Amino acid sequence: MGDAWNSPCVTSGQCCLRSTPFASRSPTSGTADVRSDLRERRAQRDWSQGDLAEKLGVSRQTINAIETGKYSPSLELAFKIARLFKVRVEDVFQP
């Protein structure tokens, strides 16, 4: 387990869906505890998951995990997303 904490996803602050302090998951369901309208906002701009990931500096898998509710982004990433779409964080993410 020691090597997992030194992996690039953990040391860079980006979650790659491992059980890390950066991933927020519901203890009962294993899914994220927030909903987002990220997919709809992305689709309105005709951006692929890869396009959005590139603009945010994360992987396409991270975008997919947020959109499917498997991962709640860090505060830093949530604010980056909100800034990119020129909205408030709470406009994109709901409890």
Protein backbone atom coordinates (compact mmCIF):
# COMPACT_ATOMS: atom_id res chain seq x y z
CA MET A 1 0.00 0.00 0.00
CA GLY A 2 2.92 2.36 0.59
CA ASP A 3 3.63 2.70 -3.14
CA ALA A 4 0.04 3.79 -3.88
CA TRP A 5 0.55 7.01 -1.90
CA ASN A 6 3.58 7.87 -4.01
CA SER A 7 1.85 7.35 -7.35
CA PRO A 8 1.72 10.30 -9.77
CA CYS A 9 -2.02 10.79 -9.29
CA VAL A 10 -1.63 11.25 -5.54
CA THR A 11 1.51 13.33 -5.51
CA SER A 12 0.12 15.62 -8.24
CA GLY A 13 -3.17 16.13 -6.38
CA GLN A 14 -5.21 14.54 -9.16
CA CYS A 15 -7.29 11.50 -8.34
CA CYS A 16 -7.15 8.53 -10.66
CA LEU A 17 -10.07 6.84 -8.87
CA ARG A 18 -7.99 5.10 -6.23
CA SER A 19 -8.99 5.44 -2.61
CA THR A 20 -7.06 8.59 -1.87
CA PRO A 21 -7.72 11.67 0.23
CA PHE A 22 -8.53 13.46 -3.04
CA ALA A 23 -11.50 11.26 -3.92
CA SER A 24 -14.78 11.97 -2.21
CA ARG A 25 -16.98 8.91 -2.18
CA SER A 26 -20.10 8.05 -0.28
CA PRO A 27 -19.25 5.47 2.39
CA THR A 28 -22.35 3.42 1.65
CA SER A 29 -22.69 3.42 -2.10
CA GLY A 30 -19.12 3.94 -3.32
CA THR A 31 -20.31 6.83 -5.48
CA ALA A 32 -19.64 10.53 -5.17
CA ASP A 33 -21.85 12.51 -2.84
CA VAL A 34 -22.52 15.43 -5.21
CA ARG A 35 -24.35 15.75 -8.51
CA SER A 36 -23.21 17.94 -11.36
CA ASP A 37 -24.54 19.23 -14.64
CA LEU A 38 -21.06 19.12 -16.10
CA ARG A 39 -22.06 16.83 -18.97
CA GLU A 40 -24.85 19.20 -20.06
CA ARG A 41 -22.60 22.28 -19.83
CA ARG A 42 -19.88 20.51 -21.81
CA ALA A 43 -22.37 19.34 -24.46
CA GLN A 44 -23.76 22.88 -24.88
CA ARG A 45 -20.29 23.93 -26.00
CA ASP A 46 -19.82 20.85 -28.17
CA TRP A 47 -16.74 19.83 -26.17
CA SER A 48 -15.67 16.22 -25.79
CA GLN A 49 -14.58 14.90 -22.41
CA GLY A 50 -11.03 15.10 -23.75
CA ASP A 51 -11.48 18.75 -24.75
CA LEU A 52 -12.72 19.67 -21.27
CA ALA A 53 -10.00 17.62 -19.60
CA GLU A 54 -7.32 19.41 -21.60
CA LYS A 55 -8.71 22.84 -20.69
CA LEU A 56 -8.70 21.87 -16.99
CA GLY A 57 -5.38 20.02 -16.97
CA VAL A 58 -6.86 16.68 -15.89
CA SER A 59 -7.42 13.32 -17.56
CA ARG A 60 -10.46 12.41 -19.63
CA GLN A 61 -11.10 9.65 -17.08
CA THR A 62 -11.41 12.27 -14.33
CA ILE A 63 -14.06 14.13 -16.34
CA ASN A 64 -15.90 10.88 -16.98
CA ALA A 65 -15.82 9.97 -13.29
CA ILE A 66 -17.21 13.38 -12.28
CA GLU A 67 -19.97 13.17 -14.89
CA THR A 68 -20.99 9.66 -13.85
CA GLY A 69 -20.96 10.50 -10.14
CA LYS A 70 -18.05 8.22 -9.26
CA TYR A 71 -15.83 11.07 -8.12
CA SER A 72 -16.30 14.46 -6.50
CA PRO A 73 -13.62 16.90 -7.60
CA SER A 74 -11.28 18.63 -5.20
CA LEU A 75 -12.21 22.20 -4.30
CA GLU A 76 -9.43 23.43 -6.56
CA LEU A 77 -10.80 21.50 -9.55
CA ALA A 78 -14.40 22.48 -8.77
CA PHE A 79 -13.39 26.16 -8.81
CA LYS A 80 -11.46 25.69 -12.07
CA ILE A 81 -14.57 24.14 -13.64
CA ALA A 82 -16.79 26.98 -12.40
CA ARG A 83 -14.34 29.62 -13.70
CA LEU A 84 -14.15 27.93 -17.09
CA PHE A 85 -17.94 28.00 -17.44
CA LYS A 86 -18.17 31.49 -15.83
CA VAL A 87 -20.61 30.34 -13.15
CA ARG A 88 -20.57 29.72 -9.40
CA VAL A 89 -19.41 26.35 -8.07
CA GLU A 90 -22.89 25.71 -6.66
CA ASP A 91 -24.34 26.24 -10.17
CA VAL A 92 -22.38 23.22 -11.40
CA PHE A 93 -22.34 20.98 -8.31
CA GLN A 94 -25.30 20.18 -6.07
CA PRO A 95 -25.30 18.13 -2.83
